[in-house]
Structures are given as structure tokens and as C-alpha cells.
Amino acid sequence: MSAYRGTVILLLDGDERPAAAGDLRRDEAGSWGGSLAFPVEARTPHLLNLTEGRLSIRGQEGSFVRPDTSDWVNSPTGQFRIRIEGSGDAPF
């Protein structure tokens, strides 16, 4: 099992590249996932409705799904936090 805590860049259409604080884990079977925390100002309709995407960690890219778009409701004050489940190889 391994973990990554640090900066994650979300790769969106166009030039938008919001940065998030990632708290991600990979288990012994290779499955990975966790949470991405953005500043509350990043809470846009696009991110609210995001169901899948790509991210980059130190130049390594990975794909993910977001199974529950209402997950942000319990975000800590001042943050917009989403939960993701990795798809394919972990980028860390």
C-alpha cells in the first residue's frame, strides 16, 4: 500500500488547470482513490457536476471517476472537497 499527500492538478477541457490538495491511497491490489480538496472559490458548476476526469501528479497522469456528485456537501469550511476512485494505474 502507498499513499500520496500533496498537490494535484486537475486536467480539464481548455486551459483550466485547478490545483487541489490530494489525499490519495493505493492498496495492494493496485486500486487507488481518495479525496481532492480545492479552495471554496473553485466550486464551479463544472466541478460540481464532474463525474470523471484526469489529474496530474508531478507530470504523471491518471484517470478517475467520481461516483457521487453530492460528496462536496460535507466539505470543511473554506474548502470544496470531492471523492474520487482511480481508473487504471495510479499516478503516484
C-alpha atoms as a PDB file:
ATOM      1  CA  MET A   1       0.000   0.000   0.000  1.00  0.00           C
ATOM      2  CA  SER A   2       1.210   3.504  -0.758  1.00  0.00           C
ATOM      3  CA  ALA A   3      -0.127   6.986  -0.298  1.00  0.00           C
ATOM      4  CA  TYR A   4       0.270  10.452  -1.722  1.00  0.00           C
ATOM      5  CA  ARG A   5      -0.484  13.718   0.028  1.00  0.00           C
ATOM      6  CA  GLY A   6       0.292  16.836  -1.919  1.00  0.00           C
ATOM      7  CA  THR A   7      -0.540  18.966  -4.915  1.00  0.00           C
ATOM      8  CA  VAL A   8      -2.702  17.504  -7.665  1.00  0.00           C
ATOM      9  CA  ILE A   9      -3.515  19.303 -10.911  1.00  0.00           C
ATOM     10  CA  LEU A  10      -6.926  18.595 -12.392  1.00  0.00           C
ATOM     11  CA  LEU A  11      -6.784  18.413 -16.193  1.00  0.00           C
ATOM     12  CA  LEU A  12      -9.961  19.962 -17.578  1.00  0.00           C
ATOM     13  CA  ASP A  13     -11.010  20.884 -21.092  1.00  0.00           C
ATOM     14  CA  GLY A  14      -9.441  24.064 -22.413  1.00  0.00           C
ATOM     15  CA  ASP A  15      -6.760  25.807 -20.382  1.00  0.00           C
ATOM     16  CA  GLU A  16      -8.340  25.337 -16.967  1.00  0.00           C
ATOM     17  CA  ARG A  17      -5.952  23.531 -14.582  1.00  0.00           C
ATOM     18  CA  PRO A  18      -7.162  23.940 -10.981  1.00  0.00           C
ATOM     19  CA  ALA A  19      -4.797  22.789  -8.246  1.00  0.00           C
ATOM     20  CA  ALA A  20      -6.040  20.718  -5.326  1.00  0.00           C
ATOM     21  CA  ALA A  21      -4.643  19.183  -2.167  1.00  0.00           C
ATOM     22  CA  GLY A  22      -4.733  15.460  -2.799  1.00  0.00           C
ATOM     23  CA  ASP A  23      -5.056  12.749  -0.167  1.00  0.00           C
ATOM     24  CA  LEU A  24      -4.779   9.539  -2.191  1.00  0.00           C
ATOM     25  CA  ARG A  25      -4.085   5.878  -1.385  1.00  0.00           C
ATOM     26  CA  ARG A  26      -3.294   2.774  -3.411  1.00  0.00           C
ATOM     27  CA  ASP A  27      -3.999  -0.680  -1.995  1.00  0.00           C
ATOM     28  CA  GLU A  28      -2.084  -3.919  -2.545  1.00  0.00           C
ATOM     29  CA  ALA A  29      -4.371  -4.873  -5.454  1.00  0.00           C
ATOM     30  CA  GLY A  30      -3.475  -1.630  -7.263  1.00  0.00           C
ATOM     31  CA  SER A  31      -6.807   0.138  -6.743  1.00  0.00           C
ATOM     32  CA  TRP A  32      -6.478   3.776  -5.821  1.00  0.00           C
ATOM     33  CA  GLY A  33      -8.588   6.755  -4.819  1.00  0.00           C
ATOM     34  CA  GLY A  34      -9.174   9.328  -2.137  1.00  0.00           C
ATOM     35  CA  SER A  35     -10.081  12.994  -1.995  1.00  0.00           C
ATOM     36  CA  LEU A  36      -9.204  16.255  -3.712  1.00  0.00           C
ATOM     37  CA  ALA A  37      -9.674  19.488  -1.746  1.00  0.00           C
ATOM     38  CA  PHE A  38      -9.945  22.769  -3.646  1.00  0.00           C
ATOM     39  CA  PRO A  39     -10.331  26.299  -2.289  1.00  0.00           C
ATOM     40  CA  VAL A  40     -14.043  27.075  -1.952  1.00  0.00           C
ATOM     41  CA  GLU A  41     -13.701  29.655  -4.763  1.00  0.00           C
ATOM     42  CA  ALA A  42     -13.072  26.762  -7.194  1.00  0.00           C
ATOM     43  CA  ARG A  43     -16.606  25.460  -6.671  1.00  0.00           C
ATOM     44  CA  THR A  44     -17.852  25.983 -10.222  1.00  0.00           C
ATOM     45  CA  PRO A  45     -20.801  24.273 -11.924  1.00  0.00           C
ATOM     46  CA  HIS A  46     -18.297  22.225 -13.960  1.00  0.00           C
ATOM     47  CA  LEU A  47     -16.599  20.855 -10.830  1.00  0.00           C
ATOM     48  CA  LEU A  48     -19.907  20.380  -9.005  1.00  0.00           C
ATOM     49  CA  ASN A  49     -21.130  18.109 -11.792  1.00  0.00           C
ATOM     50  CA  LEU A  50     -17.825  16.406 -12.636  1.00  0.00           C
ATOM     51  CA  THR A  51     -18.278  12.617 -12.848  1.00  0.00           C
ATOM     52  CA  GLU A  52     -14.939  11.626 -14.385  1.00  0.00           C
ATOM     53  CA  GLY A  53     -11.660  13.240 -15.262  1.00  0.00           C
ATOM     54  CA  ARG A  54      -7.900  13.227 -15.412  1.00  0.00           C
ATOM     55  CA  LEU A  55      -5.329  14.521 -12.987  1.00  0.00           C
ATOM     56  CA  SER A  56      -1.597  15.038 -12.912  1.00  0.00           C
ATOM     57  CA  ILE A  57       0.863  14.470 -10.078  1.00  0.00           C
ATOM     58  CA  ARG A  58       4.434  15.575 -10.791  1.00  0.00           C
ATOM     59  CA  GLY A  59       3.862  15.030 -14.516  1.00  0.00           C
ATOM     60  CA  GLN A  60       2.263  11.575 -14.146  1.00  0.00           C
ATOM     61  CA  GLU A  61      -1.348  11.429 -15.335  1.00  0.00           C
ATOM     62  CA  GLY A  62      -4.195   9.287 -14.085  1.00  0.00           C
ATOM     63  CA  SER A  63      -7.896   8.864 -14.782  1.00  0.00           C
ATOM     64  CA  PHE A  64     -10.636   8.776 -12.177  1.00  0.00           C
ATOM     65  CA  VAL A  65     -14.380   8.574 -11.674  1.00  0.00           C
ATOM     66  CA  ARG A  66     -16.408  10.452  -9.114  1.00  0.00           C
ATOM     67  CA  PRO A  67     -19.323   8.201  -8.169  1.00  0.00           C
ATOM     68  CA  ASP A  68     -21.232  10.745  -6.041  1.00  0.00           C
ATOM     69  CA  THR A  69     -21.546  14.373  -7.166  1.00  0.00           C
ATOM     70  CA  SER A  70     -23.142  15.351  -3.845  1.00  0.00           C
ATOM     71  CA  ASP A  71     -19.982  14.367  -1.944  1.00  0.00           C
ATOM     72  CA  TRP A  72     -18.904  18.024  -1.614  1.00  0.00           C
ATOM     73  CA  VAL A  73     -21.804  18.861   0.727  1.00  0.00           C
ATOM     74  CA  ASN A  74     -19.795  17.803   3.812  1.00  0.00           C
ATOM     75  CA  SER A  75     -16.671  19.765   2.836  1.00  0.00           C
ATOM     76  CA  PRO A  76     -14.868  21.582   5.648  1.00  0.00           C
ATOM     77  CA  THR A  77     -15.390  25.338   5.867  1.00  0.00           C
ATOM     78  CA  GLY A  78     -13.405  27.147   3.192  1.00  0.00           C
ATOM     79  CA  GLN A  79     -12.888  24.023   1.060  1.00  0.00           C
ATOM     80  CA  PHE A  80     -14.592  22.231  -1.787  1.00  0.00           C
ATOM     81  CA  ARG A  81     -13.732  18.542  -1.393  1.00  0.00           C
ATOM     82  CA  ILE A  82     -14.606  15.703  -3.760  1.00  0.00           C
ATOM     83  CA  ARG A  83     -14.047  11.945  -3.526  1.00  0.00           C
ATOM     84  CA  ILE A  84     -12.581  10.039  -6.453  1.00  0.00           C
ATOM     85  CA  GLU A  85     -11.902   6.440  -7.420  1.00  0.00           C
ATOM     86  CA  GLY A  86      -8.934   5.827  -9.701  1.00  0.00           C
ATOM     87  CA  SER A  87      -9.196   4.090 -13.025  1.00  0.00           C
ATOM     88  CA  GLY A  88      -6.087   2.357 -14.321  1.00  0.00           C
ATOM     89  CA  ASP A  89      -2.584   2.900 -12.981  1.00  0.00           C
ATOM     90  CA  ALA A  90      -2.056   5.278 -10.072  1.00  0.00           C
ATOM     91  CA  PRO A  91      -0.083   8.429 -10.949  1.00  0.00           C
ATOM     92  CA  PHE A  92       1.989   8.241  -7.751  1.00  0.00           C
END
